[in-house]
Amino acid sequence: MSSSQNVHTQTDTDAQETQEWLEALEGVIANEGPERAHFLIEKLIEEGREEGIDIPYSATTQYIN
């Protein structure tokens, strides 16, 4: 399966781990706010790219032109 395939069409091979990650994200949002959650997600994306994961680039920013 291609790593660039839509995440919604992929089979979750470890649903428990996925749920733990999602709960951790919810905890960060609830306790530290969405800005911190955004920062952590950006760091994960950066690390994934550095490790060779094919993560498509998104030109979307938080700023509205």
PDB file of N, CA and C in Angstrom:
ATOM      1  N   MET A   1       0.843  -1.182   0.000  1.00  0.00           N
ATOM      2  CA  MET A   1       0.000   0.000   0.000  1.00  0.00           C
ATOM      3  C   MET A   1       0.883   1.238   0.000  1.00  0.00           C
ATOM      4  N   SER A   2       0.597   2.151  -0.871  1.00  0.00           N
ATOM      5  CA  SER A   2       1.372   3.385  -0.989  1.00  0.00           C
ATOM      6  C   SER A   2       1.153   4.273   0.219  1.00  0.00           C
ATOM      7  N   SER A   3       2.252   4.884   0.708  1.00  0.00           N
ATOM      8  CA  SER A   3       2.128   5.764   1.866  1.00  0.00           C
ATOM      9  C   SER A   3       1.385   7.044   1.528  1.00  0.00           C
ATOM     10  N   SER A   4       1.243   7.344   0.247  1.00  0.00           N
ATOM     11  CA  SER A   4       0.528   8.555  -0.140  1.00  0.00           C
ATOM     12  C   SER A   4      -0.966   8.298  -0.341  1.00  0.00           C
ATOM     13  N   GLN A   5      -1.394   7.044  -0.147  1.00  0.00           N
ATOM     14  CA  GLN A   5      -2.798   6.703  -0.295  1.00  0.00           C
ATOM     15  C   GLN A   5      -3.610   7.404   0.789  1.00  0.00           C
ATOM     16  N   ASN A   6      -4.839   7.718   0.500  1.00  0.00           N
ATOM     17  CA  ASN A   6      -5.724   8.384   1.449  1.00  0.00           C
ATOM     18  C   ASN A   6      -5.821   7.563   2.727  1.00  0.00           C
ATOM     19  N   VAL A   7      -5.602   8.218   3.872  1.00  0.00           N
ATOM     20  CA  VAL A   7      -5.604   7.530   5.162  1.00  0.00           C
ATOM     21  C   VAL A   7      -6.945   6.855   5.438  1.00  0.00           C
ATOM     22  N   HIS A   8      -8.033   7.363   4.867  1.00  0.00           N
ATOM     23  CA  HIS A   8      -9.351   6.791   5.110  1.00  0.00           C
ATOM     24  C   HIS A   8      -9.546   5.457   4.396  1.00  0.00           C
ATOM     25  N   THR A   9      -8.700   5.117   3.435  1.00  0.00           N
ATOM     26  CA  THR A   9      -8.832   3.855   2.726  1.00  0.00           C
ATOM     27  C   THR A   9      -7.852   2.809   3.238  1.00  0.00           C
ATOM     28  N   GLN A  10      -6.997   3.176   4.180  1.00  0.00           N
ATOM     29  CA  GLN A  10      -6.020   2.244   4.722  1.00  0.00           C
ATOM     30  C   GLN A  10      -6.620   1.471   5.893  1.00  0.00           C
ATOM     31  N   THR A  11      -6.165   0.239   6.066  1.00  0.00           N
ATOM     32  CA  THR A  11      -6.588  -0.576   7.190  1.00  0.00           C
ATOM     33  C   THR A  11      -5.749  -0.214   8.397  1.00  0.00           C
ATOM     34  N   ASP A  12      -6.390  -0.002   9.535  1.00  0.00           N
ATOM     35  CA  ASP A  12      -5.673   0.303  10.773  1.00  0.00           C
ATOM     36  C   ASP A  12      -5.142  -1.005  11.338  1.00  0.00           C
ATOM     37  N   THR A  13      -3.834  -1.174  11.309  1.00  0.00           N
ATOM     38  CA  THR A  13      -3.222  -2.414  11.773  1.00  0.00           C
ATOM     39  C   THR A  13      -3.042  -2.456  13.283  1.00  0.00           C
ATOM     40  N   ASP A  14      -3.253  -1.338  13.965  1.00  0.00           N
ATOM     41  CA  ASP A  14      -3.148  -1.296  15.426  1.00  0.00           C
ATOM     42  C   ASP A  14      -4.121  -0.251  15.961  1.00  0.00           C
ATOM     43  N   ALA A  15      -5.391  -0.628  16.004  1.00  0.00           N
ATOM     44  CA  ALA A  15      -6.448   0.302  16.405  1.00  0.00           C
ATOM     45  C   ALA A  15      -6.246   0.825  17.823  1.00  0.00           C
ATOM     46  N   GLN A  16      -5.714   0.002  18.715  1.00  0.00           N
ATOM     47  CA  GLN A  16      -5.494   0.444  20.092  1.00  0.00           C
ATOM     48  C   GLN A  16      -4.453   1.562  20.139  1.00  0.00           C
ATOM     49  N   GLU A  17      -3.354   1.405  19.412  1.00  0.00           N
ATOM     50  CA  GLU A  17      -2.332   2.452  19.385  1.00  0.00           C
ATOM     51  C   GLU A  17      -2.891   3.737  18.773  1.00  0.00           C
ATOM     52  N   THR A  18      -3.657   3.592  17.702  1.00  0.00           N
ATOM     53  CA  THR A  18      -4.273   4.765  17.076  1.00  0.00           C
ATOM     54  C   THR A  18      -5.163   5.490  18.073  1.00  0.00           C
ATOM     55  N   GLN A  19      -5.968   4.738  18.809  1.00  0.00           N
ATOM     56  CA  GLN A  19      -6.851   5.342  19.803  1.00  0.00           C
ATOM     57  C   GLN A  19      -6.045   6.056  20.885  1.00  0.00           C
ATOM     58  N   GLU A  20      -4.924   5.471  21.304  1.00  0.00           N
ATOM     59  CA  GLU A  20      -4.074   6.110  22.312  1.00  0.00           C
ATOM     60  C   GLU A  20      -3.516   7.433  21.800  1.00  0.00           C
ATOM     61  N   TRP A  21      -3.082   7.462  20.538  1.00  0.00           N
ATOM     62  CA  TRP A  21      -2.569   8.707  19.946  1.00  0.00           C
ATOM     63  C   TRP A  21      -3.674   9.763  19.893  1.00  0.00           C
ATOM     64  N   LEU A  22      -4.870   9.360  19.482  1.00  0.00           N
ATOM     65  CA  LEU A  22      -5.983  10.307  19.393  1.00  0.00           C
ATOM     66  C   LEU A  22      -6.369  10.843  20.769  1.00  0.00           C
ATOM     67  N   GLU A  23      -6.375   9.974  21.773  1.00  0.00           N
ATOM     68  CA  GLU A  23      -6.678  10.420  23.131  1.00  0.00           C
ATOM     69  C   GLU A  23      -5.599  11.365  23.654  1.00  0.00           C
ATOM     70  N   ALA A  24      -4.347  11.083  23.312  1.00  0.00           N
ATOM     71  CA  ALA A  24      -3.262  11.979  23.719  1.00  0.00           C
ATOM     72  C   ALA A  24      -3.442  13.353  23.080  1.00  0.00           C
ATOM     73  N   LEU A  25      -3.811  13.374  21.803  1.00  0.00           N
ATOM     74  CA  LEU A  25      -4.053  14.645  21.122  1.00  0.00           C
ATOM     75  C   LEU A  25      -5.207  15.401  21.777  1.00  0.00           C
ATOM     76  N   GLU A  26      -6.281  14.691  22.080  1.00  0.00           N
ATOM     77  CA  GLU A  26      -7.416  15.323  22.763  1.00  0.00           C
ATOM     78  C   GLU A  26      -6.984  15.912  24.103  1.00  0.00           C
ATOM     79  N   GLY A  27      -6.106  15.205  24.825  1.00  0.00           N
ATOM     80  CA  GLY A  27      -5.606  15.694  26.102  1.00  0.00           C
ATOM     81  C   GLY A  27      -4.784  16.957  25.949  1.00  0.00           C
ATOM     82  N   VAL A  28      -3.943  16.988  24.923  1.00  0.00           N
ATOM     83  CA  VAL A  28      -3.142  18.192  24.670  1.00  0.00           C
ATOM     84  C   VAL A  28      -4.062  19.366  24.353  1.00  0.00           C
ATOM     85  N   ILE A  29      -5.040  19.146  23.501  1.00  0.00           N
ATOM     86  CA  ILE A  29      -5.970  20.227  23.147  1.00  0.00           C
ATOM     87  C   ILE A  29      -6.697  20.724  24.392  1.00  0.00           C
ATOM     88  N   ALA A  30      -7.181  19.804  25.214  1.00  0.00           N
ATOM     89  CA  ALA A  30      -7.951  20.181  26.399  1.00  0.00           C
ATOM     90  C   ALA A  30      -7.097  20.888  27.446  1.00  0.00           C
ATOM     91  N   ASN A  31      -5.841  20.452  27.610  1.00  0.00           N
ATOM     92  CA  ASN A  31      -5.008  20.965  28.694  1.00  0.00           C
ATOM     93  C   ASN A  31      -4.042  22.067  28.292  1.00  0.00           C
ATOM     94  N   GLU A  32      -3.623  22.059  27.025  1.00  0.00           N
ATOM     95  CA  GLU A  32      -2.611  23.023  26.597  1.00  0.00           C
ATOM     96  C   GLU A  32      -3.066  23.899  25.437  1.00  0.00           C
ATOM     97  N   GLY A  33      -4.196  23.551  24.843  1.00  0.00           N
ATOM     98  CA  GLY A  33      -4.759  24.371  23.791  1.00  0.00           C
ATOM     99  C   GLY A  33      -4.423  23.904  22.386  1.00  0.00           C
ATOM    100  N   PRO A  34      -5.200  24.400  21.421  1.00  0.00           N
ATOM    101  CA  PRO A  34      -5.016  23.992  20.030  1.00  0.00           C
ATOM    102  C   PRO A  34      -3.686  24.445  19.437  1.00  0.00           C
ATOM    103  N   GLU A  35      -3.130  25.548  19.922  1.00  0.00           N
ATOM    104  CA  GLU A  35      -1.842  26.010  19.388  1.00  0.00           C
ATOM    105  C   GLU A  35      -0.746  24.990  19.683  1.00  0.00           C
ATOM    106  N   ARG A  36      -0.757  24.446  20.906  1.00  0.00           N
ATOM    107  CA  ARG A  36       0.240  23.436  21.276  1.00  0.00           C
ATOM    108  C   ARG A  36       0.034  22.171  20.443  1.00  0.00           C
ATOM    109  N   ALA A  37      -1.221  21.771  20.265  1.00  0.00           N
ATOM    110  CA  ALA A  37      -1.517  20.595  19.453  1.00  0.00           C
ATOM    111  C   ALA A  37      -1.020  20.796  18.026  1.00  0.00           C
ATOM    112  N   HIS A  38      -1.254  21.981  17.478  1.00  0.00           N
ATOM    113  CA  HIS A  38      -0.787  22.294  16.125  1.00  0.00           C
ATOM    114  C   HIS A  38       0.733  22.183  16.055  1.00  0.00           C
ATOM    115  N   PHE A  39       1.420  22.744  17.037  1.00  0.00           N
ATOM    116  CA  PHE A  39       2.879  22.684  17.074  1.00  0.00           C
ATOM    117  C   PHE A  39       3.358  21.232  17.071  1.00  0.00           C
ATOM    118  N   LEU A  40       2.765  20.403  17.919  1.00  0.00           N
ATOM    119  CA  LEU A  40       3.183  19.004  17.999  1.00  0.00           C
ATOM    120  C   LEU A  40       2.936  18.264  16.690  1.00  0.00           C
ATOM    121  N   ILE A  41       1.800  18.510  16.062  1.00  0.00           N
ATOM    122  CA  ILE A  41       1.506  17.864  14.783  1.00  0.00           C
ATOM    123  C   ILE A  41       2.515  18.286  13.725  1.00  0.00           C
ATOM    124  N   GLU A  42       2.846  19.567  13.685  1.00  0.00           N
ATOM    125  CA  GLU A  42       3.849  20.045  12.726  1.00  0.00           C
ATOM    126  C   GLU A  42       5.204  19.383  12.976  1.00  0.00           C
ATOM    127  N   LYS A  43       5.585  19.213  14.241  1.00  0.00           N
ATOM    128  CA  LYS A  43       6.854  18.553  14.568  1.00  0.00           C
ATOM    129  C   LYS A  43       6.826  17.090  14.131  1.00  0.00           C
ATOM    130  N   LEU A  44       5.700  16.416  14.313  1.00  0.00           N
ATOM    131  CA  LEU A  44       5.575  15.032  13.870  1.00  0.00           C
ATOM    132  C   LEU A  44       5.699  14.924  12.353  1.00  0.00           C
ATOM    133  N   ILE A  45       5.063  15.842  11.638  1.00  0.00           N
ATOM    134  CA  ILE A  45       5.161  15.850  10.179  1.00  0.00           C
ATOM    135  C   ILE A  45       6.604  16.079   9.753  1.00  0.00           C
ATOM    136  N   GLU A  46       7.261  17.036  10.380  1.00  0.00           N
ATOM    137  CA  GLU A  46       8.664  17.332  10.068  1.00  0.00           C
ATOM    138  C   GLU A  46       9.542  16.107  10.309  1.00  0.00           C
ATOM    139  N   GLU A  47       9.360  15.463  11.439  1.00  0.00           N
ATOM    140  CA  GLU A  47      10.150  14.269  11.763  1.00  0.00           C
ATOM    141  C   GLU A  47       9.864  13.146  10.774  1.00  0.00           C
ATOM    142  N   GLY A  48       8.596  12.966  10.423  1.00  0.00           N
ATOM    143  CA  GLY A  48       8.241  11.940   9.459  1.00  0.00           C
ATOM    144  C   GLY A  48       8.916  12.158   8.118  1.00  0.00           C
ATOM    145  N   ARG A  49       8.920  13.389   7.654  1.00  0.00           N
ATOM    146  CA  ARG A  49       9.592  13.702   6.381  1.00  0.00           C
ATOM    147  C   ARG A  49      11.087  13.427   6.478  1.00  0.00           C
ATOM    148  N   GLU A  50      11.701  13.819   7.606  1.00  0.00           N
ATOM    149  CA  GLU A  50      13.136  13.577   7.787  1.00  0.00           C
ATOM    150  C   GLU A  50      13.452  12.086   7.810  1.00  0.00           C
ATOM    151  N   GLU A  51      12.502  11.276   8.255  1.00  0.00           N
ATOM    152  CA  GLU A  51      12.690   9.827   8.307  1.00  0.00           C
ATOM    153  C   GLU A  51      12.306   9.146   6.997  1.00  0.00           C
ATOM    154  N   GLY A  52      11.912   9.933   6.000  1.00  0.00           N
ATOM    155  CA  GLY A  52      11.640   9.387   4.682  1.00  0.00           C
ATOM    156  C   GLY A  52      10.195   9.027   4.402  1.00  0.00           C
ATOM    157  N   ILE A  53       9.282   9.418   5.280  1.00  0.00           N
ATOM    158  CA  ILE A  53       7.868   9.148   5.030  1.00  0.00           C
ATOM    159  C   ILE A  53       7.361  10.140   3.988  1.00  0.00           C
ATOM    160  N   ASP A  54       6.633   9.629   3.000  1.00  0.00           N
ATOM    161  CA  ASP A  54       6.094  10.472   1.938  1.00  0.00           C
ATOM    162  C   ASP A  54       4.842  11.176   2.446  1.00  0.00           C
ATOM    163  N   ILE A  55       5.024  12.393   2.956  1.00  0.00           N
ATOM    164  CA  ILE A  55       3.912  13.198   3.451  1.00  0.00           C
ATOM    165  C   ILE A  55       3.740  14.355   2.483  1.00  0.00           C
ATOM    166  N   PRO A  56       2.595  14.409   1.796  1.00  0.00           N
ATOM    167  CA  PRO A  56       2.393  15.482   0.819  1.00  0.00           C
ATOM    168  C   PRO A  56       2.488  16.856   1.470  1.00  0.00           C
ATOM    169  N   TYR A  57       3.073  17.789   0.742  1.00  0.00           N
ATOM    170  CA  TYR A  57       3.198  19.163   1.216  1.00  0.00           C
ATOM    171  C   TYR A  57       1.863  19.862   1.058  1.00  0.00           C
ATOM    172  N   SER A  58       1.483  20.627   2.055  1.00  0.00           N
ATOM    173  CA  SER A  58       0.260  21.425   1.982  1.00  0.00           C
ATOM    174  C   SER A  58       0.628  22.892   2.090  1.00  0.00           C
ATOM    175  N   ALA A  59       0.194  23.680   1.124  1.00  0.00           N
ATOM    176  CA  ALA A  59       0.487  25.110   1.137  1.00  0.00           C
ATOM    177  C   ALA A  59      -0.514  25.871   1.998  1.00  0.00           C
ATOM    178  N   THR A  60      -1.432  25.165   2.633  1.00  0.00           N
ATOM    179  CA  THR A  60      -2.424  25.802   3.485  1.00  0.00           C
ATOM    180  C   THR A  60      -1.756  26.338   4.743  1.00  0.00           C
ATOM    181  N   THR A  61      -2.084  27.564   5.086  1.00  0.00           N
ATOM    182  CA  THR A  61      -1.551  28.167   6.302  1.00  0.00           C
ATOM    183  C   THR A  61      -2.698  28.645   7.172  1.00  0.00           C
ATOM    184  N   GLN A  62      -2.374  29.065   8.368  1.00  0.00           N
ATOM    185  CA  GLN A  62      -3.400  29.565   9.273  1.00  0.00           C
ATOM    186  C   GLN A  62      -3.829  30.981   8.918  1.00  0.00           C
ATOM    187  N   TYR A  63      -3.143  31.586   7.966  1.00  0.00           N
ATOM    188  CA  TYR A  63      -3.435  32.962   7.599  1.00  0.00           C
ATOM    189  C   TYR A  63      -4.374  33.013   6.404  1.00  0.00           C
ATOM    190  N   ILE A  64      -5.298  33.946   6.437  1.00  0.00           N
ATOM    191  CA  ILE A  64      -6.231  34.139   5.329  1.00  0.00           C
ATOM    192  C   ILE A  64      -5.759  35.336   4.522  1.00  0.00           C
ATOM    193  N   ASN A  65      -5.598  35.149   3.216  1.00  0.00           N
ATOM    194  CA  ASN A  65      -5.147  36.243   2.350  1.00  0.00           C
ATOM    195  C   ASN A  65      -6.309  37.098   1.916  1.00  0.00           C
TER     196      ASN A  65
END
